[in-house]
Amino acid sequence: MKHKEEFEEFELGYQRRDLYNQEHLDILSESYLNILKVTGEDPEREGLLKTPRRAAKAFQFLTHGYHIKPEEILESALFKEDYRQMVVVKDIEIYSLCEHHVLPFFGKAHVAYIPNGTIVGLSKIPRIVDAYARRLQLQERLTTQIKDCIHNVLQPSGVAVVIEAQHLCMSMRGIQKQNSVTTTSEFTGAFLKNDKTRQEFMHLIGARLH
């Protein structure tokens, strides 16, 4: 697939690189143009002239997780280490799109594992969360995919994943409940078999330690 690199300058010389599939951008742009037309808008007015292209780029970014292999992210930073206590990465921000209405849901993921001779670089855990979140998703599936990925690659003594999220398909449309939060969880190994271990994890993700 052909991609075009685009750079955006920020203060202090920071650059962001986005990769876009040009063929898909053209298809998506045409689709968004038609959406504007059928809603009764005028795509030729100044404020909307570039909207189809912008929306196409945004959609590609929001679904770029399809082109990432989360297992390879973990495998790139595995280390042998005789540490066998709980490792917790909490308050990982998630932004995803509900596959039923293509509306956002967002919140936080809390992930823990108990090493069994192998640890992983801490930054890789948020990366795999993001890789799975940047797809059309269900919160339930997202929770399971994160758990399975860590379990399959690290083979730890246990994995725990909890996600808390708000869904705009519930607050912007449908039942229109503004403050409802959906919580999903997955546990394996020691977290599943040992109540004390699971309770310690739940305490840690709820505690203000910083």
Protein backbone atom coordinates (compact mmCIF):
# COMPACT_ATOMS: atom_id res chain seq x y z
CA MET A 1 0.00 0.00 0.00
CA LYS A 2 1.24 3.49 -0.82
CA HIS A 3 1.39 5.90 2.08
CA LYS A 4 2.18 9.57 2.21
CA GLU A 5 4.05 10.99 5.17
CA GLU A 6 2.68 14.22 6.53
CA PHE A 7 4.43 16.40 9.09
CA GLU A 8 2.89 18.97 11.35
CA GLU A 9 5.13 21.48 13.12
CA PHE A 10 4.53 22.29 16.76
CA GLU A 11 6.30 24.58 19.21
CA LEU A 12 9.80 23.61 20.33
CA GLY A 13 10.41 21.78 17.06
CA TYR A 14 8.21 18.79 17.82
CA GLN A 15 6.98 16.88 14.78
CA ARG A 16 4.12 14.41 14.37
CA ARG A 17 4.15 11.86 11.58
CA ASP A 18 0.95 10.38 10.21
CA LEU A 19 0.83 7.71 7.52
CA TYR A 20 -2.16 7.60 5.20
CA ASN A 21 -3.23 5.15 2.54
CA GLN A 22 -3.96 7.47 -0.37
CA GLU A 23 -6.34 5.11 -2.19
CA HIS A 24 -8.42 4.65 0.95
CA LEU A 25 -8.36 8.39 1.63
CA ASP A 26 -9.93 9.06 -1.76
CA ILE A 27 -12.70 6.51 -1.14
CA LEU A 28 -13.41 7.79 2.36
CA SER A 29 -13.37 11.44 1.23
CA GLU A 30 -15.97 10.71 -1.44
CA SER A 31 -18.12 8.91 1.13
CA TYR A 32 -17.97 11.83 3.56
CA LEU A 33 -18.80 14.21 0.74
CA ASN A 34 -21.97 12.21 0.03
CA ILE A 35 -22.84 12.18 3.74
CA LEU A 36 -22.68 15.97 3.80
CA LYS A 37 -24.93 16.16 0.76
CA VAL A 38 -27.64 13.83 2.09
CA THR A 39 -27.74 15.70 5.43
CA GLY A 40 -28.76 18.81 3.50
CA GLU A 41 -25.45 20.64 3.87
CA ASP A 42 -23.64 22.54 1.15
CA PRO A 43 -20.19 20.91 0.75
CA GLU A 44 -19.08 23.90 -1.33
CA ARG A 45 -19.34 26.44 1.45
CA GLU A 46 -16.07 27.65 2.94
CA GLY A 47 -16.25 25.80 6.25
CA LEU A 48 -16.87 22.43 4.60
CA LEU A 49 -14.57 22.55 1.59
CA LYS A 50 -11.84 20.49 3.28
CA THR A 51 -14.09 18.57 5.67
CA PRO A 52 -14.38 15.33 3.62
CA ARG A 53 -10.59 15.02 3.45
CA ARG A 54 -10.12 15.91 7.10
CA ALA A 55 -12.78 13.41 8.16
CA ALA A 56 -11.19 10.71 5.99
CA LYS A 57 -7.80 11.28 7.63
CA ALA A 58 -9.39 11.26 11.08
CA PHE A 59 -11.15 7.96 10.39
CA GLN A 60 -7.95 6.36 9.14
CA PHE A 61 -6.16 7.48 12.30
CA LEU A 62 -8.95 6.26 14.57
CA THR A 63 -8.82 2.81 12.97
CA HIS A 64 -5.07 2.43 12.40
CA GLY A 65 -4.94 -0.42 14.91
CA TYR A 66 -5.93 -2.84 12.16
CA HIS A 67 -2.43 -2.45 10.73
CA ILE A 68 -0.59 -3.09 14.01
CA LYS A 69 0.32 -6.49 15.43
CA PRO A 70 0.14 -6.11 19.23
CA GLU A 71 1.99 -9.38 19.85
CA GLU A 72 5.01 -7.99 18.02
CA ILE A 73 4.93 -4.89 20.23
CA LEU A 74 5.33 -7.03 23.33
CA GLU A 75 7.87 -9.36 21.73
CA SER A 76 10.11 -6.37 20.93
CA ALA A 77 10.82 -5.67 24.60
CA LEU A 78 10.90 -8.92 26.59
CA PHE A 79 13.48 -9.37 29.33
CA LYS A 80 14.41 -12.28 31.54
CA GLU A 81 13.99 -11.20 35.15
CA ASP A 82 13.32 -13.15 38.33
CA TYR A 83 10.62 -10.75 39.56
CA ARG A 84 7.42 -12.52 40.50
CA GLN A 85 5.27 -9.85 42.12
CA MET A 86 2.40 -7.96 40.57
CA VAL A 87 3.14 -5.35 37.88
CA VAL A 88 0.32 -2.84 37.48
CA VAL A 89 -0.10 -0.17 34.78
CA LYS A 90 -3.25 1.77 35.57
CA ASP A 91 -5.17 4.75 34.22
CA ILE A 92 -4.25 4.04 30.58
CA GLU A 93 -6.43 6.36 28.50
CA ILE A 94 -8.46 4.62 25.80
CA TYR A 95 -10.32 6.11 22.85
CA SER A 96 -12.21 3.79 20.55
CA LEU A 97 -15.20 3.58 18.22
CA CYS A 98 -18.25 1.46 18.98
CA GLU A 99 -18.82 -0.93 16.09
CA HIS A 100 -22.61 -0.65 16.38
CA HIS A 101 -22.95 3.10 15.76
CA VAL A 102 -19.38 4.21 14.94
CA LEU A 103 -19.56 6.60 17.89
CA PRO A 104 -16.71 7.06 20.38
CA PHE A 105 -16.31 5.40 23.72
CA PHE A 106 -13.52 6.48 26.02
CA GLY A 107 -12.18 5.87 29.49
CA LYS A 108 -9.33 4.10 31.25
CA ALA A 109 -7.79 0.66 31.21
CA HIS A 110 -6.02 -0.92 34.19
CA VAL A 111 -3.69 -3.81 33.39
CA ALA A 112 -1.66 -6.10 35.63
CA TYR A 113 0.37 -9.26 35.26
CA ILE A 114 2.45 -11.46 37.54
CA PRO A 115 5.73 -12.34 35.79
CA ASN A 116 6.86 -15.92 35.48
CA GLY A 117 10.50 -15.26 34.63
CA THR A 118 9.81 -12.71 31.87
CA ILE A 119 8.91 -9.03 32.08
CA VAL A 120 8.06 -6.53 29.34
CA GLY A 121 8.99 -2.87 28.89
CA LEU A 122 6.28 -0.87 30.65
CA SER A 123 5.54 1.41 27.68
CA LYS A 124 4.52 -1.61 25.61
CA ILE A 125 1.40 -2.26 27.67
CA PRO A 126 -0.25 1.09 26.83
CA ARG A 127 0.84 0.55 23.22
CA ILE A 128 -1.04 -2.74 22.89
CA VAL A 129 -4.08 -1.20 24.59
CA ASP A 130 -4.03 1.54 21.96
CA ALA A 131 -3.45 -0.92 19.11
CA TYR A 132 -6.62 -2.82 19.98
CA ALA A 133 -8.62 0.31 20.85
CA ARG A 134 -7.94 1.97 17.48
CA ARG A 135 -10.39 -0.32 15.72
CA LEU A 136 -14.17 -0.66 15.54
CA GLN A 137 -14.67 -2.28 18.91
CA LEU A 138 -16.82 -3.62 21.68
CA GLN A 139 -15.60 -2.89 25.18
CA GLU A 140 -16.03 -6.55 26.09
CA ARG A 141 -13.89 -7.70 23.15
CA LEU A 142 -11.25 -5.05 23.82
CA THR A 143 -10.87 -6.29 27.39
CA THR A 144 -10.45 -9.90 26.26
CA GLN A 145 -8.00 -9.06 23.47
CA ILE A 146 -5.67 -7.19 25.82
CA LYS A 147 -5.75 -10.07 28.30
CA ASP A 148 -5.14 -12.72 25.64
CA CYS A 149 -2.23 -10.83 24.09
CA ILE A 150 -0.35 -10.48 27.38
CA HIS A 151 -1.14 -14.05 28.41
CA ASN A 152 -0.02 -15.57 25.10
CA VAL A 153 3.23 -13.64 24.75
CA LEU A 154 4.47 -13.41 28.34
CA GLN A 155 3.04 -16.66 29.72
CA PRO A 156 2.75 -15.03 33.16
CA SER A 157 1.33 -16.46 36.36
CA GLY A 158 -1.74 -14.29 35.88
CA VAL A 159 -3.23 -11.36 33.96
CA ALA A 160 -5.86 -8.84 35.06
CA VAL A 161 -7.57 -6.24 32.87
CA VAL A 162 -10.29 -3.79 33.92
CA ILE A 163 -11.76 -1.15 31.60
CA GLU A 164 -14.05 1.69 32.65
CA ALA A 165 -15.58 3.65 29.80
CA GLN A 166 -18.33 6.04 28.79
CA HIS A 167 -20.14 5.37 25.53
CA LEU A 168 -21.48 8.24 23.45
CA CYS A 169 -24.03 5.89 21.89
CA MET A 170 -25.66 5.93 25.34
CA SER A 171 -25.25 9.63 26.15
CA MET A 172 -25.68 11.34 22.74
CA ARG A 173 -28.47 9.11 21.41
CA GLY A 174 -30.55 6.13 22.51
CA ILE A 175 -31.21 6.18 26.25
CA GLN A 176 -29.26 9.49 26.67
CA LYS A 177 -27.88 8.81 30.13
CA GLN A 178 -25.01 11.25 30.59
CA ASN A 179 -23.05 9.82 33.53
CA SER A 180 -23.25 6.07 33.09
CA VAL A 181 -19.95 4.16 33.10
CA THR A 182 -19.49 0.61 31.81
CA THR A 183 -16.94 -1.62 33.55
CA THR A 184 -15.58 -4.86 32.09
CA SER A 185 -12.95 -7.20 33.51
CA GLU A 186 -10.92 -10.26 32.62
CA PHE A 187 -8.72 -12.36 34.93
CA THR A 188 -6.47 -15.36 34.42
CA GLY A 189 -4.23 -17.52 36.59
CA ALA A 190 -3.53 -16.20 40.08
CA PHE A 191 -5.99 -13.33 39.65
CA LEU A 192 -8.76 -15.80 38.88
CA LYS A 193 -7.89 -18.44 41.46
CA ASN A 194 -6.80 -16.28 44.40
CA ASP A 195 -9.29 -13.80 45.89
CA LYS A 196 -6.53 -12.04 47.86
CA THR A 197 -4.48 -11.40 44.71
CA ARG A 198 -7.51 -10.10 42.82
CA GLN A 199 -8.49 -7.86 45.75
CA GLU A 200 -4.95 -6.45 45.92
CA PHE A 201 -5.19 -5.53 42.24
CA MET A 202 -8.58 -3.89 42.69
CA HIS A 203 -7.25 -1.94 45.67
CA LEU A 204 -4.21 -0.73 43.75
CA ILE A 205 -6.18 0.53 40.75
CA GLY A 206 -8.54 2.39 43.07
CA ALA A 207 -5.88 3.88 45.30
CA ARG A 208 -4.41 7.37 44.87
CA LEU A 209 -0.70 6.56 45.07
CA HIS A 210 0.59 9.62 43.23
